[in-house]
PDB file of N, CA and C in Angstrom:
ATOM      1  N   MET A   1     216.128 159.365 -16.136  1.00  0.00           N
ATOM      2  CA  MET A   1     214.787 158.890 -15.634  1.00  0.00           C
ATOM      3  C   MET A   1     214.185 160.014 -15.232  1.00  0.00           C
ATOM      4  N   ASP A   2     213.506 159.942 -16.138  1.00  0.00           N
ATOM      5  CA  ASP A   2     211.832 161.115 -15.874  1.00  0.00           C
ATOM      6  C   ASP A   2     211.556 160.713 -14.241  1.00  0.00           C
ATOM      7  N   SER A   3     210.429 161.451 -14.178  1.00  0.00           N
ATOM      8  CA  SER A   3     210.109 162.095 -12.838  1.00  0.00           C
ATOM      9  C   SER A   3     208.585 160.380 -12.378  1.00  0.00           C
ATOM     10  N   ARG A   4     208.458 159.679 -14.016  1.00  0.00           N
ATOM     11  CA  ARG A   4     207.248 158.769 -13.729  1.00  0.00           C
ATOM     12  C   ARG A   4     208.499 157.910 -13.374  1.00  0.00           C
ATOM     13  N   ASP A   5     209.067 157.207 -13.762  1.00  0.00           N
ATOM     14  CA  ASP A   5     210.256 155.886 -12.842  1.00  0.00           C
ATOM     15  C   ASP A   5     210.578 156.177 -11.665  1.00  0.00           C
ATOM     16  N   LYS A   6     210.677 157.519 -11.064  1.00  0.00           N
ATOM     17  CA  LYS A   6     211.290 158.054  -9.926  1.00  0.00           C
ATOM     18  C   LYS A   6     209.821 157.390  -9.129  1.00  0.00           C
ATOM     19  N   LYS A   7     208.402 157.953  -9.327  1.00  0.00           N
ATOM     20  CA  LYS A   7     207.208 157.582  -8.678  1.00  0.00           C
ATOM     21  C   LYS A   7     206.915 156.292  -8.832  1.00  0.00           C
ATOM     22  N   GLY A   8     207.343 155.644 -10.041  1.00  0.00           N
ATOM     23  CA  GLY A   8     207.495 153.957 -10.286  1.00  0.00           C
ATOM     24  C   GLY A   8     208.005 152.791  -8.636  1.00  0.00           C
ATOM     25  N   ILE A   9     209.830 153.821  -8.708  1.00  0.00           N
ATOM     26  CA  ILE A   9     210.334 153.155  -7.907  1.00  0.00           C
ATOM     27  C   ILE A   9     210.281 152.842  -6.104  1.00  0.00           C
ATOM     28  N   ALA A  10     209.891 154.709  -5.745  1.00  0.00           N
ATOM     29  CA  ALA A  10     209.052 155.060  -4.954  1.00  0.00           C
ATOM     30  C   ALA A  10     208.172 154.561  -4.238  1.00  0.00           C
ATOM     31  N   LYS A  11     207.095 153.685  -5.376  1.00  0.00           N
ATOM     32  CA  LYS A  11     205.911 152.893  -4.859  1.00  0.00           C
ATOM     33  C   LYS A  11     206.213 151.179  -4.738  1.00  0.00           C
ATOM     34  N   VAL A  12     207.447 151.162  -5.281  1.00  0.00           N
ATOM     35  CA  VAL A  12     207.434 149.262  -4.886  1.00  0.00           C
ATOM     36  C   VAL A  12     208.270 149.612  -3.602  1.00  0.00           C
ATOM     37  N   VAL A  13     209.453 150.331  -3.508  1.00  0.00           N
ATOM     38  CA  VAL A  13     209.862 150.933  -2.252  1.00  0.00           C
ATOM     39  C   VAL A  13     208.906 150.387  -1.505  1.00  0.00           C
ATOM     40  N   SER A  14     208.079 151.285  -1.149  1.00  0.00           N
ATOM     41  CA  SER A  14     206.674 151.444  -0.224  1.00  0.00           C
ATOM     42  C   SER A  14     206.027 150.627  -0.283  1.00  0.00           C
ATOM     43  N   SER A  15     206.063 149.846  -0.907  1.00  0.00           N
ATOM     44  CA  SER A  15     204.947 148.771  -1.029  1.00  0.00           C
ATOM     45  C   SER A  15     205.443 147.581  -0.117  1.00  0.00           C
ATOM     46  N   PHE A  16     207.281 147.559  -0.196  1.00  0.00           N
ATOM     47  CA  PHE A  16     208.112 146.675   0.558  1.00  0.00           C
ATOM     48  C   PHE A  16     208.154 147.080   1.846  1.00  0.00           C
ATOM     49  N   GLY A  17     208.125 148.215   2.135  1.00  0.00           N
ATOM     50  CA  GLY A  17     208.212 148.907   3.755  1.00  0.00           C
ATOM     51  C   GLY A  17     206.639 148.598   4.366  1.00  0.00           C
ATOM     52  N   TYR A  18     205.836 148.572   3.420  1.00  0.00           N
ATOM     53  CA  TYR A  18     204.086 148.260   4.017  1.00  0.00           C
ATOM     54  C   TYR A  18     204.220 146.803   4.111  1.00  0.00           C
ATOM     55  N   ALA A  19     204.583 145.786   3.529  1.00  0.00           N
ATOM     56  CA  ALA A  19     205.092 144.265   3.427  1.00  0.00           C
ATOM     57  C   ALA A  19     206.116 144.150   5.002  1.00  0.00           C
ATOM     58  N   ILE A  20     206.764 145.053   5.023  1.00  0.00           N
ATOM     59  CA  ILE A  20     207.761 144.503   5.929  1.00  0.00           C
ATOM     60  C   ILE A  20     207.373 144.954   7.898  1.00  0.00           C
ATOM     61  N   GLU A  21     206.568 146.142   7.491  1.00  0.00           N
ATOM     62  CA  GLU A  21     205.199 146.407   8.498  1.00  0.00           C
ATOM     63  C   GLU A  21     204.819 145.444   9.541  1.00  0.00           C
ATOM     64  N   GLY A  22     203.755 144.621   7.933  1.00  0.00           N
ATOM     65  CA  GLY A  22     202.841 143.862   8.258  1.00  0.00           C
ATOM     66  C   GLY A  22     203.412 143.082   8.755  1.00  0.00           C
ATOM     67  N   PHE A  23     204.295 142.562   8.593  1.00  0.00           N
ATOM     68  CA  PHE A  23     204.979 141.252   8.953  1.00  0.00           C
ATOM     69  C   PHE A  23     205.752 141.594  10.132  1.00  0.00           C
ATOM     70  N   LEU A  24     206.068 142.297  10.630  1.00  0.00           N
ATOM     71  CA  LEU A  24     206.777 142.993  12.049  1.00  0.00           C
ATOM     72  C   LEU A  24     205.433 142.803  13.431  1.00  0.00           C
ATOM     73  N   TYR A  25     204.170 143.191  12.858  1.00  0.00           N
ATOM     74  CA  TYR A  25     203.259 143.062  13.493  1.00  0.00           C
ATOM     75  C   TYR A  25     202.790 141.900  14.197  1.00  0.00           C
ATOM     76  N   VAL A  26     202.779 141.220  12.864  1.00  0.00           N
ATOM     77  CA  VAL A  26     202.144 140.080  13.126  1.00  0.00           C
ATOM     78  C   VAL A  26     203.060 139.461  14.076  1.00  0.00           C
ATOM     79  N   CYS A  27     204.042 139.364  13.877  1.00  0.00           N
ATOM     80  CA  CYS A  27     205.329 138.639  14.484  1.00  0.00           C
ATOM     81  C   CYS A  27     204.881 139.407  15.785  1.00  0.00           C
ATOM     82  N   LYS A  28     205.025 140.553  16.409  1.00  0.00           N
ATOM     83  CA  LYS A  28     205.067 141.037  17.404  1.00  0.00           C
ATOM     84  C   LYS A  28     203.285 140.870  18.269  1.00  0.00           C
ATOM     85  N   THR A  29     202.551 141.078  17.419  1.00  0.00           N
ATOM     86  CA  THR A  29     201.203 140.521  18.090  1.00  0.00           C
ATOM     87  C   THR A  29     200.271 139.333  18.530  1.00  0.00           C
ATOM     88  N   GLN A  30     200.907 138.227  17.223  1.00  0.00           N
ATOM     89  CA  GLN A  30     200.627 137.302  17.311  1.00  0.00           C
ATOM     90  C   GLN A  30     201.110 136.144  17.732  1.00  0.00           C
ATOM     91  N   ARG A  31     201.169 135.237  19.218  1.00  0.00           N
ATOM     92  CA  ARG A  31     201.237 134.269  19.746  1.00  0.00           C
ATOM     93  C   ARG A  31     201.892 132.553  18.754  1.00  0.00           C
ATOM     94  N   ASN A  32     201.246 132.846  17.771  1.00  0.00           N
ATOM     95  CA  ASN A  32     201.503 131.731  16.869  1.00  0.00           C
ATOM     96  C   ASN A  32     202.534 131.844  16.185  1.00  0.00           C
ATOM     97  N   MET A  33     202.215 132.710  15.623  1.00  0.00           N
ATOM     98  CA  MET A  33     203.626 133.848  14.857  1.00  0.00           C
ATOM     99  C   MET A  33     204.937 133.371  15.198  1.00  0.00           C
ATOM    100  N   GLN A  34     204.814 134.392  16.830  1.00  0.00           N
ATOM    101  CA  GLN A  34     206.392 134.232  17.320  1.00  0.00           C
ATOM    102  C   GLN A  34     206.221 132.170  17.634  1.00  0.00           C
ATOM    103  N   ILE A  35     205.768 131.427  18.234  1.00  0.00           N
ATOM    104  CA  ILE A  35     205.986 130.132  17.959  1.00  0.00           C
ATOM    105  C   ILE A  35     206.401 129.681  16.872  1.00  0.00           C
ATOM    106  N   HIS A  36     205.627 130.109  15.765  1.00  0.00           N
ATOM    107  CA  HIS A  36     206.241 129.566  14.312  1.00  0.00           C
ATOM    108  C   HIS A  36     207.707 129.720  13.727  1.00  0.00           C
ATOM    109  N   VAL A  37     208.171 131.444  14.518  1.00  0.00           N
ATOM    110  CA  VAL A  37     209.406 131.751  14.588  1.00  0.00           C
ATOM    111  C   VAL A  37     210.194 131.576  15.099  1.00  0.00           C
ATOM    112  N   ALA A  38     209.806 131.155  16.737  1.00  0.00           N
ATOM    113  CA  ALA A  38     211.093 130.557  17.238  1.00  0.00           C
ATOM    114  C   ALA A  38     210.840 128.590  16.733  1.00  0.00           C
ATOM    115  N   ALA A  39     209.868 128.407  16.093  1.00  0.00           N
ATOM    116  CA  ALA A  39     210.203 126.391  15.993  1.00  0.00           C
ATOM    117  C   ALA A  39     211.345 126.356  14.374  1.00  0.00           C
ATOM    118  N   SER A  40     211.187 128.005  14.087  1.00  0.00           N
ATOM    119  CA  SER A  40     211.362 127.768  12.534  1.00  0.00           C
ATOM    120  C   SER A  40     213.359 128.243  12.693  1.00  0.00           C
ATOM    121  N   PHE A  41     213.523 129.423  13.785  1.00  0.00           N
ATOM    122  CA  PHE A  41     214.517 128.945  13.811  1.00  0.00           C
ATOM    123  C   PHE A  41     215.666 128.169  14.304  1.00  0.00           C
ATOM    124  N   ILE A  42     215.141 126.477  15.504  1.00  0.00           N
ATOM    125  CA  ILE A  42     215.647 126.150  15.782  1.00  0.00           C
ATOM    126  C   ILE A  42     215.709 124.637  14.857  1.00  0.00           C
ATOM    127  N   VAL A  43     214.308 124.946  13.894  1.00  0.00           N
ATOM    128  CA  VAL A  43     214.833 123.803  12.566  1.00  0.00           C
ATOM    129  C   VAL A  43     215.932 124.505  12.139  1.00  0.00           C
ATOM    130  N   LEU A  44     215.908 125.426  11.168  1.00  0.00           N
ATOM    131  CA  LEU A  44     217.251 125.933  10.963  1.00  0.00           C
ATOM    132  C   LEU A  44     218.728 126.049  11.289  1.00  0.00           C
ATOM    133  N   LEU A  45     218.323 126.302  12.655  1.00  0.00           N
ATOM    134  CA  LEU A  45     220.326 125.700  13.345  1.00  0.00           C
ATOM    135  C   LEU A  45     220.360 124.090  13.694  1.00  0.00           C
ATOM    136  N   LEU A  46     219.305 122.810  13.124  1.00  0.00           N
ATOM    137  CA  LEU A  46     219.102 121.680  13.576  1.00  0.00           C
ATOM    138  C   LEU A  46     219.810 121.229  12.221  1.00  0.00           C
ATOM    139  N   GLY A  47     219.267 122.018  11.296  1.00  0.00           N
ATOM    140  CA  GLY A  47     219.300 121.876  10.170  1.00  0.00           C
ATOM    141  C   GLY A  47     221.162 121.872   9.076  1.00  0.00           C
ATOM    142  N   ALA A  48     221.516 123.558   9.969  1.00  0.00           N
ATOM    143  CA  ALA A  48     223.074 123.821  10.280  1.00  0.00           C
ATOM    144  C   ALA A  48     223.464 122.332  10.647  1.00  0.00           C
ATOM    145  N   VAL A  49     223.513 121.812  11.730  1.00  0.00           N
ATOM    146  CA  VAL A  49     224.639 121.456  12.743  1.00  0.00           C
ATOM    147  C   VAL A  49     224.585 120.042  12.568  1.00  0.00           C
ATOM    148  N   LEU A  50     223.170 119.612  11.968  1.00  0.00           N
ATOM    149  CA  LEU A  50     223.134 117.903  10.918  1.00  0.00           C
ATOM    150  C   LEU A  50     223.707 118.161   9.273  1.00  0.00           C
ATOM    151  N   SER A  51     224.001 119.266   9.112  1.00  0.00           N
ATOM    152  CA  SER A  51     224.089 119.188   7.376  1.00  0.00           C
ATOM    153  C   SER A  51     223.540 119.330   7.004  1.00  0.00           C
ATOM    154  N   ILE A  52     222.149 119.221   6.547  1.00  0.00           N
ATOM    155  CA  ILE A  52     221.338 118.325   5.638  1.00  0.00           C
ATOM    156  C   ILE A  52     221.412 118.498   4.036  1.00  0.00           C
ATOM    157  N   THR A  53     220.828 117.881   3.341  1.00  0.00           N
ATOM    158  CA  THR A  53     220.692 117.509   1.846  1.00  0.00           C
ATOM    159  C   THR A  53     220.214 119.732   1.828  1.00  0.00           C
ATOM    160  N   ALA A  54     221.017 120.341  -0.032  1.00  0.00           N
ATOM    161  CA  ALA A  54     219.990 121.240  -0.269  1.00  0.00           C
ATOM    162  C   ALA A  54     219.071 120.689  -1.316  1.00  0.00           C
ATOM    163  N   GLY A  55     218.792 119.909  -1.530  1.00  0.00           N
ATOM    164  CA  GLY A  55     217.314 119.758  -1.213  1.00  0.00           C
ATOM    165  C   GLY A  55     216.448 119.386  -0.839  1.00  0.00           C
ATOM    166  N   GLU A  56     217.009 118.971   0.779  1.00  0.00           N
ATOM    167  CA  GLU A  56     216.394 119.361   1.836  1.00  0.00           C
ATOM    168  C   GLU A  56     216.325 120.392   2.718  1.00  0.00           C
ATOM    169  N   TRP A  57     216.838 121.268   2.491  1.00  0.00           N
ATOM    170  CA  TRP A  57     217.362 122.363   2.411  1.00  0.00           C
ATOM    171  C   TRP A  57     216.258 123.122   1.816  1.00  0.00           C
ATOM    172  N   THR A  58     216.165 122.655   0.901  1.00  0.00           N
ATOM    173  CA  THR A  58     215.175 123.517   0.089  1.00  0.00           C
ATOM    174  C   THR A  58     213.676 123.048   0.556  1.00  0.00           C
ATOM    175  N   VAL A  59     212.841 122.263   0.684  1.00  0.00           N
ATOM    176  CA  VAL A  59     212.110 121.358   1.159  1.00  0.00           C
ATOM    177  C   VAL A  59     211.405 122.500   3.046  1.00  0.00           C
ATOM    178  N   VAL A  60     212.530 122.376   3.720  1.00  0.00           N
ATOM    179  CA  VAL A  60     212.570 123.581   5.087  1.00  0.00           C
ATOM    180  C   VAL A  60     212.072 124.393   4.907  1.00  0.00           C
ATOM    181  N   LEU A  61     213.022 125.046   3.817  1.00  0.00           N
ATOM    182  CA  LEU A  61     212.616 126.879   3.205  1.00  0.00           C
ATOM    183  C   LEU A  61     211.509 126.751   3.035  1.00  0.00           C
ATOM    184  N   LEU A  62     210.881 126.179   1.823  1.00  0.00           N
ATOM    185  CA  LEU A  62     209.392 126.010   1.485  1.00  0.00           C
ATOM    186  C   LEU A  62     208.438 126.175   2.801  1.00  0.00           C
ATOM    187  N   LEU A  63     208.518 125.097   3.934  1.00  0.00           N
ATOM    188  CA  LEU A  63     208.266 125.023   5.027  1.00  0.00           C
ATOM    189  C   LEU A  63     207.867 126.467   5.803  1.00  0.00           C
ATOM    190  N   ILE A  64     208.717 126.313   5.721  1.00  0.00           N
ATOM    191  CA  ILE A  64     208.518 127.316   6.693  1.00  0.00           C
ATOM    192  C   ILE A  64     207.938 128.682   5.824  1.00  0.00           C
ATOM    193  N   ALA A  65     208.696 129.291   4.844  1.00  0.00           N
ATOM    194  CA  ALA A  65     208.027 130.652   4.086  1.00  0.00           C
ATOM    195  C   ALA A  65     206.229 130.055   3.662  1.00  0.00           C
ATOM    196  N   GLY A  66     206.156 128.704   3.842  1.00  0.00           N
ATOM    197  CA  GLY A  66     204.327 128.600   3.760  1.00  0.00           C
ATOM    198  C   GLY A  66     203.792 129.033   4.971  1.00  0.00           C
ATOM    199  N   MET A  67     204.543 128.932   5.943  1.00  0.00           N
ATOM    200  CA  MET A  67     203.734 128.301   7.481  1.00  0.00           C
ATOM    201  C   MET A  67     203.892 130.029   7.809  1.00  0.00           C
ATOM    202  N   PHE A  68     204.616 130.593   7.552  1.00  0.00           N
ATOM    203  CA  PHE A  68     204.562 132.081   7.753  1.00  0.00           C
ATOM    204  C   PHE A  68     204.034 132.645   6.992  1.00  0.00           C
ATOM    205  N   SER A  69     203.482 132.022   5.607  1.00  0.00           N
ATOM    206  CA  SER A  69     202.578 132.953   4.781  1.00  0.00           C
ATOM    207  C   SER A  69     201.652 132.762   5.270  1.00  0.00           C
ATOM    208  N   LEU A  70     201.081 131.894   5.445  1.00  0.00           N
ATOM    209  CA  LEU A  70     199.420 131.392   5.771  1.00  0.00           C
ATOM    210  C   LEU A  70     199.384 132.316   7.072  1.00  0.00           C
ATOM    211  N   GLU A  71     200.052 131.707   8.402  1.00  0.00           N
ATOM    212  CA  GLU A  71     199.883 132.124   9.396  1.00  0.00           C
ATOM    213  C   GLU A  71     199.648 134.165   9.350  1.00  0.00           C
ATOM    214  N   LEU A  72     200.599 134.626   8.330  1.00  0.00           N
ATOM    215  CA  LEU A  72     200.556 135.745   8.003  1.00  0.00           C
ATOM    216  C   LEU A  72     198.231 136.420   7.388  1.00  0.00           C
ATOM    217  N   MET A  73     198.461 135.377   6.394  1.00  0.00           N
ATOM    218  CA  MET A  73     197.111 135.399   5.502  1.00  0.00           C
ATOM    219  C   MET A  73     195.804 134.880   6.421  1.00  0.00           C
ATOM    220  N   ASN A  74     195.790 134.300   7.521  1.00  0.00           N
ATOM    221  CA  ASN A  74     194.860 133.890   9.210  1.00  0.00           C
ATOM    222  C   ASN A  74     195.051 135.241   9.955  1.00  0.00           C
ATOM    223  N   THR A  75     196.190 136.047  10.018  1.00  0.00           N
ATOM    224  CA  THR A  75     196.249 137.002  10.725  1.00  0.00           C
ATOM    225  C   THR A  75     195.489 138.433  10.051  1.00  0.00           C
ATOM    226  N   ALA A  76     194.957 138.256   8.813  1.00  0.00           N
ATOM    227  CA  ALA A  76     194.546 139.241   8.052  1.00  0.00           C
ATOM    228  C   ALA A  76     193.197 138.880   7.748  1.00  0.00           C
ATOM    229  N   VAL A  77     192.874 137.780   7.960  1.00  0.00           N
ATOM    230  CA  VAL A  77     191.481 137.124   7.863  1.00  0.00           C
ATOM    231  C   VAL A  77     190.708 137.976   9.027  1.00  0.00           C
ATOM    232  N   GLU A  78     191.387 137.490   9.945  1.00  0.00           N
ATOM    233  CA  GLU A  78     191.303 137.716  11.623  1.00  0.00           C
ATOM    234  C   GLU A  78     190.569 139.142  11.543  1.00  0.00           C
ATOM    235  N   LYS A  79     191.785 140.073  11.303  1.00  0.00           N
ATOM    236  CA  LYS A  79     191.404 141.266  11.390  1.00  0.00           C
ATOM    237  C   LYS A  79     190.243 142.211  10.519  1.00  0.00           C
ATOM    238  N   VAL A  80     190.520 141.749   9.101  1.00  0.00           N
ATOM    239  CA  VAL A  80     188.789 141.903   8.643  1.00  0.00           C
ATOM    240  C   VAL A  80     187.821 141.475   8.808  1.00  0.00           C
ATOM    241  N   VAL A  81     187.505 140.382   9.490  1.00  0.00           N
ATOM    242  CA  VAL A  81     185.883 139.608   9.609  1.00  0.00           C
ATOM    243  C   VAL A  81     186.606 140.732  10.794  1.00  0.00           C
ATOM    244  N   ASP A  82     186.865 141.148  11.566  1.00  0.00           N
ATOM    245  CA  ASP A  82     186.567 141.918  13.034  1.00  0.00           C
ATOM    246  C   ASP A  82     185.973 143.249  12.829  1.00  0.00           C
ATOM    247  N   LEU A  83     186.849 143.997  11.520  1.00  0.00           N
ATOM    248  CA  LEU A  83     186.316 145.362  11.186  1.00  0.00           C
ATOM    249  C   LEU A  83     185.292 145.057  10.676  1.00  0.00           C
ATOM    250  N   VAL A  84     184.871 144.511  10.305  1.00  0.00           N
ATOM    251  CA  VAL A  84     183.697 143.805   9.086  1.00  0.00           C
ATOM    252  C   VAL A  84     182.320 143.391  10.405  1.00  0.00           C
ATOM    253  N   SER A  85     182.262 142.349  10.854  1.00  0.00           N
ATOM    254  CA  SER A  85     181.579 141.791  12.207  1.00  0.00           C
ATOM    255  C   SER A  85     182.057 142.004  13.498  1.00  0.00           C
ATOM    256  N   PRO A  86     182.088 143.325  13.908  1.00  0.00           N
ATOM    257  CA  PRO A  86     182.500 143.248  15.059  1.00  0.00           C
ATOM    258  C   PRO A  86     181.585 142.395  16.637  1.00  0.00           C
ATOM    259  N   GLU A  87     180.143 142.348  16.522  1.00  0.00           N
ATOM    260  CA  GLU A  87     179.394 141.730  17.209  1.00  0.00           C
ATOM    261  C   GLU A  87     180.003 140.132  16.178  1.00  0.00           C
ATOM    262  N   TYR A  88     179.427 139.032  17.531  1.00  0.00           N
ATOM    263  CA  TYR A  88     179.242 138.101  17.336  1.00  0.00           C
ATOM    264  C   TYR A  88     178.957 137.639  15.893  1.00  0.00           C
ATOM    265  N   HIS A  89     179.018 137.267  15.291  1.00  0.00           N
ATOM    266  CA  HIS A  89     178.249 136.245  14.252  1.00  0.00           C
ATOM    267  C   HIS A  89     178.244 135.286  13.581  1.00  0.00           C
ATOM    268  N   ILE A  90     177.675 133.944  13.401  1.00  0.00           N
ATOM    269  CA  ILE A  90     178.034 132.702  13.111  1.00  0.00           C
ATOM    270  C   ILE A  90     179.202 132.789  11.732  1.00  0.00           C
ATOM    271  N   LEU A  91     179.190 132.996  10.864  1.00  0.00           N
ATOM    272  CA  LEU A  91     179.542 133.597   9.645  1.00  0.00           C
ATOM    273  C   LEU A  91     180.618 133.615   9.673  1.00  0.00           C
ATOM    274  N   ALA A  92     181.249 134.801  10.547  1.00  0.00           N
ATOM    275  CA  ALA A  92     182.684 135.170  10.793  1.00  0.00           C
ATOM    276  C   ALA A  92     183.139 134.202  12.124  1.00  0.00           C
ATOM    277  N   LYS A  93     182.456 133.776  12.734  1.00  0.00           N
ATOM    278  CA  LYS A  93     182.605 132.580  13.395  1.00  0.00           C
ATOM    279  C   LYS A  93     183.250 131.455  12.511  1.00  0.00           C
ATOM    280  N   HIS A  94     183.053 130.979  11.466  1.00  0.00           N
ATOM    281  CA  HIS A  94     183.744 130.039  10.751  1.00  0.00           C
ATOM    282  C   HIS A  94     184.450 131.006   9.982  1.00  0.00           C
ATOM    283  N   ALA A  95     184.552 132.052   9.269  1.00  0.00           N
ATOM    284  CA  ALA A  95     185.833 132.288   8.382  1.00  0.00           C
ATOM    285  C   ALA A  95     186.802 132.389   8.963  1.00  0.00           C
ATOM    286  N   LYS A  96     186.808 132.796  10.736  1.00  0.00           N
ATOM    287  CA  LYS A  96     187.900 132.719  10.873  1.00  0.00           C
ATOM    288  C   LYS A  96     188.350 131.239  11.976  1.00  0.00           C
ATOM    289  N   ASP A  97     188.099 129.964  12.259  1.00  0.00           N
ATOM    290  CA  ASP A  97     187.757 129.274  12.426  1.00  0.00           C
ATOM    291  C   ASP A  97     188.675 128.202  10.880  1.00  0.00           C
ATOM    292  N   ALA A  98     188.241 128.193   9.810  1.00  0.00           N
ATOM    293  CA  ALA A  98     188.893 128.034   8.485  1.00  0.00           C
ATOM    294  C   ALA A  98     190.062 128.304   8.164  1.00  0.00           C
ATOM    295  N   ALA A  99     190.274 129.859   8.405  1.00  0.00           N
ATOM    296  CA  ALA A  99     191.376 130.344   7.835  1.00  0.00           C
ATOM    297  C   ALA A  99     192.545 129.688   9.407  1.00  0.00           C
ATOM    298  N   ALA A 100     191.671 129.109  10.433  1.00  0.00           N
ATOM    299  CA  ALA A 100     192.683 128.799  12.093  1.00  0.00           C
ATOM    300  C   ALA A 100     193.442 127.482  10.845  1.00  0.00           C
ATOM    301  N   ALA A 101     191.970 126.912  10.653  1.00  0.00           N
ATOM    302  CA  ALA A 101     192.256 125.287  10.115  1.00  0.00           C
ATOM    303  C   ALA A 101     192.855 125.290   8.620  1.00  0.00           C
ATOM    304  N   ALA A 102     193.257 125.672   8.212  1.00  0.00           N
ATOM    305  CA  ALA A 102     194.192 125.793   7.591  1.00  0.00           C
ATOM    306  C   ALA A 102     195.593 126.124   7.376  1.00  0.00           C
ATOM    307  N   VAL A 103     195.651 126.893   8.790  1.00  0.00           N
ATOM    308  CA  VAL A 103     197.444 126.710   8.626  1.00  0.00           C
ATOM    309  C   VAL A 103     197.274 125.872   9.804  1.00  0.00           C
ATOM    310  N   LEU A 104     196.700 125.300  10.429  1.00  0.00           N
ATOM    311  CA  LEU A 104     196.480 124.109  11.476  1.00  0.00           C
ATOM    312  C   LEU A 104     197.186 122.798  10.586  1.00  0.00           C
ATOM    313  N   VAL A 105     196.206 122.748   9.281  1.00  0.00           N
ATOM    314  CA  VAL A 105     196.637 121.280   8.446  1.00  0.00           C
ATOM    315  C   VAL A 105     198.122 121.727   7.699  1.00  0.00           C
ATOM    316  N   TYR A 106     198.532 122.924   7.662  1.00  0.00           N
ATOM    317  CA  TYR A 106     199.657 122.817   6.885  1.00  0.00           C
ATOM    318  C   TYR A 106     200.965 122.793   8.587  1.00  0.00           C
ATOM    319  N   ALA A 107     200.734 123.043   9.459  1.00  0.00           N
ATOM    320  CA  ALA A 107     201.514 122.809  10.543  1.00  0.00           C
ATOM    321  C   ALA A 107     201.569 121.419  10.327  1.00  0.00           C
ATOM    322  N   CYS A 108     200.459 120.733  10.469  1.00  0.00           N
ATOM    323  CA  CYS A 108     201.100 119.311  10.741  1.00  0.00           C
ATOM    324  C   CYS A 108     201.652 118.650   9.553  1.00  0.00           C
ATOM    325  N   PHE A 109     201.316 118.823   8.466  1.00  0.00           N
ATOM    326  CA  PHE A 109     202.272 118.507   7.577  1.00  0.00           C
ATOM    327  C   PHE A 109     203.612 118.905   7.253  1.00  0.00           C
ATOM    328  N   ALA A 110     204.054 119.927   7.695  1.00  0.00           N
ATOM    329  CA  ALA A 110     205.043 120.714   8.002  1.00  0.00           C
ATOM    330  C   ALA A 110     205.978 119.618   9.374  1.00  0.00           C
ATOM    331  N   VAL A 111     205.368 119.583  10.191  1.00  0.00           N
ATOM    332  CA  VAL A 111     205.876 118.911  11.082  1.00  0.00           C
ATOM    333  C   VAL A 111     205.747 117.097  10.349  1.00  0.00           C
ATOM    334  N   LEU A 112     205.116 116.586   9.719  1.00  0.00           N
ATOM    335  CA  LEU A 112     205.336 115.088   8.993  1.00  0.00           C
ATOM    336  C   LEU A 112     206.404 115.382   8.510  1.00  0.00           C
ATOM    337  N   ILE A 113     206.776 116.272   7.903  1.00  0.00           N
ATOM    338  CA  ILE A 113     207.562 116.671   6.307  1.00  0.00           C
ATOM    339  C   ILE A 113     209.159 116.381   7.361  1.00  0.00           C
ATOM    340  N   GLY A 114     209.092 117.229   7.831  1.00  0.00           N
ATOM    341  CA  GLY A 114     210.032 117.661   8.607  1.00  0.00           C
ATOM    342  C   GLY A 114     210.751 116.373   9.891  1.00  0.00           C
ATOM    343  N   GLY A 115     209.788 115.666  10.157  1.00  0.00           N
ATOM    344  CA  GLY A 115     210.209 114.446  10.727  1.00  0.00           C
ATOM    345  C   GLY A 115     210.890 113.805   9.238  1.00  0.00           C
ATOM    346  N   ILE A 116     210.377 113.790   8.817  1.00  0.00           N
ATOM    347  CA  ILE A 116     210.967 112.283   7.347  1.00  0.00           C
ATOM    348  C   ILE A 116     212.325 112.930   6.636  1.00  0.00           C
ATOM    349  N   ILE A 117     211.728 114.516   7.297  1.00  0.00           N
ATOM    350  CA  ILE A 117     213.632 114.925   7.268  1.00  0.00           C
ATOM    351  C   ILE A 117     214.958 114.605   8.081  1.00  0.00           C
ATOM    352  N   PHE A 118     214.366 115.318   9.060  1.00  0.00           N
ATOM    353  CA  PHE A 118     214.993 114.847  10.522  1.00  0.00           C
ATOM    354  C   PHE A 118     215.670 114.092  11.196  1.00  0.00           C
ATOM    355  N   LEU A 119     214.374 112.711  11.445  1.00  0.00           N
ATOM    356  CA  LEU A 119     214.221 111.783  12.155  1.00  0.00           C
ATOM    357  C   LEU A 119     216.161 111.107  11.406  1.00  0.00           C
ATOM    358  N   LYS A 120     216.151 110.971  10.403  1.00  0.00           N
ATOM    359  CA  LYS A 120     217.507 109.870   9.753  1.00  0.00           C
ATOM    360  C   LYS A 120     218.667 110.387  10.073  1.00  0.00           C
ATOM    361  N   TYR A 121     218.912 111.588  10.380  1.00  0.00           N
ATOM    362  CA  TYR A 121     220.017 111.823  11.063  1.00  0.00           C
ATOM    363  C   TYR A 121     219.959 112.111  13.195  1.00  0.00           C
ATOM    364  N   LEU A 122     218.753 111.962  13.134  1.00  0.00           N
ATOM    365  CA  LEU A 122     219.071 111.871  14.725  1.00  0.00           C
ATOM    366  C   LEU A 122     218.796 110.223  15.143  1.00  0.00           C
ATOM    367  N   PHE A 123     218.393 109.732  14.442  1.00  0.00           N
ATOM    368  CA  PHE A 123     218.518 108.258  14.868  1.00  0.00           C
ATOM    369  C   PHE A 123     219.069 107.109  13.702  1.00  0.00           C
TER     370      PHE A 123
END
């Protein structure tokens, strides 16, 4: 392995480290992400207790991954908007509101789909 390969591997490892730092930052600082993590833990526990099917697990895991991803992107949008527009600006408000709305829409549909999956086991 030559030095270019080692540098390439080091860059890949570093990029994973930065991604983990970003995830941990959002988990530590964003209340809504903390709520999503807690809800996900409950959903995963409920799925295990109720022995949901492999197909249902796939949907549940995709919903959780999507929720986390959207919340991470929402935080990124908020931080960039705050950086470039520290003073109030209506366009900054619209950008932040739209990012938050994307999370809300996804969360509502995730709850609806979760209900479809889990209610048959509970009633």
